[in-house]
Amino acid sequence: MPIDPHALRRKEELLANGPLIQALVEAARSLPSPDGWVKGEFVLRRVRERVPNYAHQAQRYAKFYRLLEDTGRFDVELRKSTVYARPRPD
């Protein structure tokens, strides 16, 4: 499968944005969960509360779960039609 140069550039820009990645991890960890897995929509809601310009910083991602995957800091699972994410240990 050919490598999409736009996807590579988008990921590079995301990885250069340490504060946004840290905010995503902190948002996920702040949500109650017995096993560490939280719904992606809850992470998104929490990060939007904490990062006022989140939409501008992540505007190139059509799917939030892809943004989580590209950080390299999350395990992401699709369960039926719901996305779950779990921050990886530091």
Protein backbone atom coordinates (compact mmCIF):
# COMPACT_ATOMS: atom_id res chain seq x y z
CA MET A 1 0.00 0.00 0.00
CA PRO A 2 1.50 3.38 -0.96
CA ILE A 3 2.36 5.84 1.79
CA ASP A 4 0.15 8.93 1.85
CA PRO A 5 2.42 11.99 2.11
CA HIS A 6 -0.43 14.04 3.59
CA ALA A 7 -0.95 11.48 6.36
CA LEU A 8 2.78 11.49 7.11
CA ARG A 9 2.89 15.28 7.32
CA ARG A 10 -0.22 15.33 9.52
CA LYS A 11 1.34 12.79 11.89
CA GLU A 12 4.66 14.69 12.03
CA GLU A 13 2.82 17.89 12.93
CA LEU A 14 0.88 16.08 15.64
CA LEU A 15 4.00 14.49 17.13
CA ALA A 16 5.64 17.93 17.26
CA ASN A 17 2.74 19.19 19.39
CA GLY A 18 3.77 17.83 22.78
CA PRO A 19 1.30 19.95 24.78
CA LEU A 20 -1.66 18.60 22.80
CA ILE A 21 -0.50 15.00 23.19
CA GLN A 22 0.00 15.52 26.91
CA ALA A 23 -3.48 17.04 27.19
CA LEU A 24 -4.97 14.00 25.43
CA VAL A 25 -3.21 11.58 27.78
CA GLU A 26 -4.17 13.58 30.87
CA ALA A 27 -7.79 13.83 29.69
CA ALA A 28 -8.00 10.05 29.24
CA ARG A 29 -6.35 9.34 32.58
CA SER A 30 -8.70 11.75 34.36
CA LEU A 31 -11.74 9.68 33.41
CA PRO A 32 -12.85 6.93 35.80
CA SER A 33 -12.26 3.44 34.48
CA PRO A 34 -11.55 0.17 36.29
CA ASP A 35 -9.43 -1.23 33.45
CA GLY A 36 -8.05 1.94 31.86
CA TRP A 37 -10.27 1.77 28.77
CA VAL A 38 -12.50 4.81 28.21
CA LYS A 39 -14.83 5.77 25.42
CA GLY A 40 -13.14 7.91 22.82
CA GLU A 41 -16.04 10.36 22.85
CA PHE A 42 -15.45 11.01 26.57
CA VAL A 43 -11.75 11.70 25.95
CA LEU A 44 -12.69 14.08 23.16
CA ARG A 45 -15.20 15.91 25.35
CA ARG A 46 -12.69 16.23 28.21
CA VAL A 47 -9.86 17.49 26.00
CA ARG A 48 -12.16 20.07 24.40
CA GLU A 49 -12.92 21.38 27.91
CA ARG A 50 -9.21 21.62 28.79
CA VAL A 51 -7.69 22.81 25.50
CA PRO A 52 -9.53 25.89 24.23
CA ASN A 53 -8.00 25.78 20.73
CA TYR A 54 -8.18 21.99 20.36
CA ALA A 55 -10.31 22.12 17.20
CA HIS A 56 -7.74 24.31 15.46
CA GLN A 57 -4.84 22.05 16.50
CA ALA A 58 -6.52 18.84 15.36
CA GLN A 59 -8.43 20.14 12.36
CA ARG A 60 -6.65 17.86 9.88
CA TYR A 61 -8.06 14.69 11.48
CA ALA A 62 -11.50 13.62 10.32
CA LYS A 63 -11.59 10.76 12.85
CA PHE A 64 -10.61 11.34 16.48
CA TYR A 65 -9.46 7.76 16.97
CA ARG A 66 -6.86 8.22 14.20
CA LEU A 67 -5.46 11.19 16.07
CA LEU A 68 -5.19 9.03 19.21
CA GLU A 69 -3.46 6.26 17.25
CA ASP A 70 -1.01 8.66 15.61
CA THR A 71 0.20 9.95 18.97
CA GLY A 72 1.64 6.52 19.71
CA ARG A 73 0.49 6.99 23.30
CA PHE A 74 -2.81 5.07 23.13
CA ASP A 75 -4.15 1.61 22.52
CA VAL A 76 -7.35 2.00 20.50
CA GLU A 77 -10.11 -0.58 20.01
CA LEU A 78 -13.36 -0.54 18.10
CA ARG A 79 -16.07 -2.40 20.02
CA LYS A 80 -19.15 -2.70 17.85
CA SER A 81 -19.50 0.93 16.76
CA THR A 82 -17.83 2.51 19.80
CA VAL A 83 -14.18 3.54 19.99
CA TYR A 84 -12.33 2.86 23.23
CA ALA A 85 -8.89 4.17 24.11
CA ARG A 86 -6.39 3.40 26.84
CA PRO A 87 -3.29 5.48 27.50
CA ARG A 88 -0.14 3.41 27.32
CA PRO A 89 2.16 3.44 30.33
CA ASP A 90 4.85 6.12 30.22
